[in-house]
Amino acid sequence: MCFKRIDKIFSSSIDKLPRAVGKSGAPNREALKLYREVLKVSKYFDWNDPETGEPYGQKIRKSARREFEIAKMEKDPLIVM
């Protein structure tokens, strides 16, 4: 399941993680995979935030989209990770 993959990413040292965007400007495949996994996992969060009433899955998707939009033009691999 994708939770095992996420645990593997978080338990790895930063030196072993894949590098970000190269000189060609091609999108980072690892970042895209992570984004897709976040979207898949967010489907399982079906309860609502008690303060706003918004479903947590929707909040997770919005937050992930915002984070990826912020890092879209970033060139520093550590910031992208």
C-alpha atoms as a PDB file:
ATOM      1  CA  MET A   1       0.000   0.000   0.000  1.00  0.00           C
ATOM      2  CA  CYS A   2       1.139   3.600  -0.467  1.00  0.00           C
ATOM      3  CA  PHE A   3       1.557   4.114   3.313  1.00  0.00           C
ATOM      4  CA  LYS A   4       4.600   1.835   3.228  1.00  0.00           C
ATOM      5  CA  ARG A   5       6.129   3.991   0.490  1.00  0.00           C
ATOM      6  CA  ILE A   6       5.482   7.180   2.446  1.00  0.00           C
ATOM      7  CA  ASP A   7       7.013   5.650   5.581  1.00  0.00           C
ATOM      8  CA  LYS A   8      10.031   4.622   3.502  1.00  0.00           C
ATOM      9  CA  ILE A   9      10.471   8.191   2.215  1.00  0.00           C
ATOM     10  CA  PHE A  10      10.220   9.728   5.676  1.00  0.00           C
ATOM     11  CA  SER A  11      12.558   7.182   7.256  1.00  0.00           C
ATOM     12  CA  SER A  12      15.287   7.681   4.612  1.00  0.00           C
ATOM     13  CA  SER A  13      18.129  10.073   5.215  1.00  0.00           C
ATOM     14  CA  ILE A  14      18.093  13.215   3.109  1.00  0.00           C
ATOM     15  CA  ASP A  15      21.256  12.115   1.286  1.00  0.00           C
ATOM     16  CA  LYS A  16      19.520   9.030  -0.111  1.00  0.00           C
ATOM     17  CA  LEU A  17      16.489  10.882  -1.472  1.00  0.00           C
ATOM     18  CA  PRO A  18      16.369  11.499  -5.225  1.00  0.00           C
ATOM     19  CA  ARG A  19      17.611  14.827  -6.544  1.00  0.00           C
ATOM     20  CA  ALA A  20      15.186  17.424  -7.848  1.00  0.00           C
ATOM     21  CA  VAL A  21      14.880  19.200 -11.199  1.00  0.00           C
ATOM     22  CA  GLY A  22      17.947  19.068 -13.412  1.00  0.00           C
ATOM     23  CA  LYS A  23      19.290  21.641 -15.848  1.00  0.00           C
ATOM     24  CA  SER A  24      16.804  20.599 -18.506  1.00  0.00           C
ATOM     25  CA  GLY A  25      13.899  21.830 -16.367  1.00  0.00           C
ATOM     26  CA  ALA A  26      12.060  18.528 -16.719  1.00  0.00           C
ATOM     27  CA  PRO A  27       9.596  17.862 -13.903  1.00  0.00           C
ATOM     28  CA  ASN A  28      10.818  15.787 -11.034  1.00  0.00           C
ATOM     29  CA  ARG A  29       9.209  12.371 -11.378  1.00  0.00           C
ATOM     30  CA  GLU A  30       9.537  11.630  -7.686  1.00  0.00           C
ATOM     31  CA  ALA A  31       7.666  14.838  -6.824  1.00  0.00           C
ATOM     32  CA  LEU A  32       4.884  13.936  -9.235  1.00  0.00           C
ATOM     33  CA  LYS A  33       4.641  10.429  -7.765  1.00  0.00           C
ATOM     34  CA  LEU A  34       4.436  11.875  -4.275  1.00  0.00           C
ATOM     35  CA  TYR A  35       1.759  14.356  -5.341  1.00  0.00           C
ATOM     36  CA  ARG A  36      -0.320  11.557  -6.871  1.00  0.00           C
ATOM     37  CA  GLU A  37       0.074   9.448  -3.733  1.00  0.00           C
ATOM     38  CA  VAL A  38      -1.077  12.355  -1.573  1.00  0.00           C
ATOM     39  CA  LEU A  39      -4.166  12.706  -3.758  1.00  0.00           C
ATOM     40  CA  LYS A  40      -4.884   8.966  -3.503  1.00  0.00           C
ATOM     41  CA  VAL A  41      -4.420   8.859   0.260  1.00  0.00           C
ATOM     42  CA  SER A  42      -6.538  11.984   0.784  1.00  0.00           C
ATOM     43  CA  LYS A  43      -9.587  10.010  -0.380  1.00  0.00           C
ATOM     44  CA  TYR A  44      -9.474   8.039   2.878  1.00  0.00           C
ATOM     45  CA  PHE A  45      -9.894  11.145   5.051  1.00  0.00           C
ATOM     46  CA  ASP A  46     -13.663  11.456   4.982  1.00  0.00           C
ATOM     47  CA  TRP A  47     -14.321  13.154   8.317  1.00  0.00           C
ATOM     48  CA  ASN A  48     -14.815  16.911   8.642  1.00  0.00           C
ATOM     49  CA  ASP A  49     -12.814  19.617  10.380  1.00  0.00           C
ATOM     50  CA  PRO A  50     -14.861  20.550  13.469  1.00  0.00           C
ATOM     51  CA  GLU A  51     -14.054  24.271  13.108  1.00  0.00           C
ATOM     52  CA  THR A  52     -14.836  24.807   9.427  1.00  0.00           C
ATOM     53  CA  GLY A  53     -16.877  21.737   8.507  1.00  0.00           C
ATOM     54  CA  GLU A  54     -14.639  21.162   5.468  1.00  0.00           C
ATOM     55  CA  PRO A  55     -13.643  17.531   4.811  1.00  0.00           C
ATOM     56  CA  TYR A  56     -10.027  16.816   5.771  1.00  0.00           C
ATOM     57  CA  GLY A  57      -9.403  15.076   2.455  1.00  0.00           C
ATOM     58  CA  GLN A  58     -10.263  18.266   0.627  1.00  0.00           C
ATOM     59  CA  LYS A  59      -8.021  20.294   2.959  1.00  0.00           C
ATOM     60  CA  ILE A  60      -5.131  17.886   2.325  1.00  0.00           C
ATOM     61  CA  ARG A  61      -5.564  18.156  -1.453  1.00  0.00           C
ATOM     62  CA  LYS A  62      -5.652  21.970  -1.313  1.00  0.00           C
ATOM     63  CA  SER A  63      -2.587  22.069   0.913  1.00  0.00           C
ATOM     64  CA  ALA A  64      -0.633  19.685  -1.323  1.00  0.00           C
ATOM     65  CA  ARG A  65      -1.553  21.679  -4.421  1.00  0.00           C
ATOM     66  CA  ARG A  66      -0.471  24.926  -2.745  1.00  0.00           C
ATOM     67  CA  GLU A  67       2.880  23.411  -1.668  1.00  0.00           C
ATOM     68  CA  PHE A  68       3.606  22.040  -5.140  1.00  0.00           C
ATOM     69  CA  GLU A  69       2.673  25.349  -6.792  1.00  0.00           C
ATOM     70  CA  ILE A  70       5.068  27.185  -4.465  1.00  0.00           C
ATOM     71  CA  ALA A  71       7.938  24.790  -5.266  1.00  0.00           C
ATOM     72  CA  LYS A  72       7.166  24.564  -8.997  1.00  0.00           C
ATOM     73  CA  MET A  73       9.808  27.059 -10.134  1.00  0.00           C
ATOM     74  CA  GLU A  74      12.312  26.321  -7.371  1.00  0.00           C
ATOM     75  CA  LYS A  75      15.761  25.169  -8.515  1.00  0.00           C
ATOM     76  CA  ASP A  76      17.375  24.292  -5.173  1.00  0.00           C
ATOM     77  CA  PRO A  77      17.014  20.506  -4.705  1.00  0.00           C
ATOM     78  CA  LEU A  78      16.818  20.698  -0.921  1.00  0.00           C
ATOM     79  CA  ILE A  79      13.950  23.183  -1.002  1.00  0.00           C
ATOM     80  CA  VAL A  80      12.126  21.128  -3.622  1.00  0.00           C
ATOM     81  CA  MET A  81      12.401  18.010  -1.460  1.00  0.00           C
END
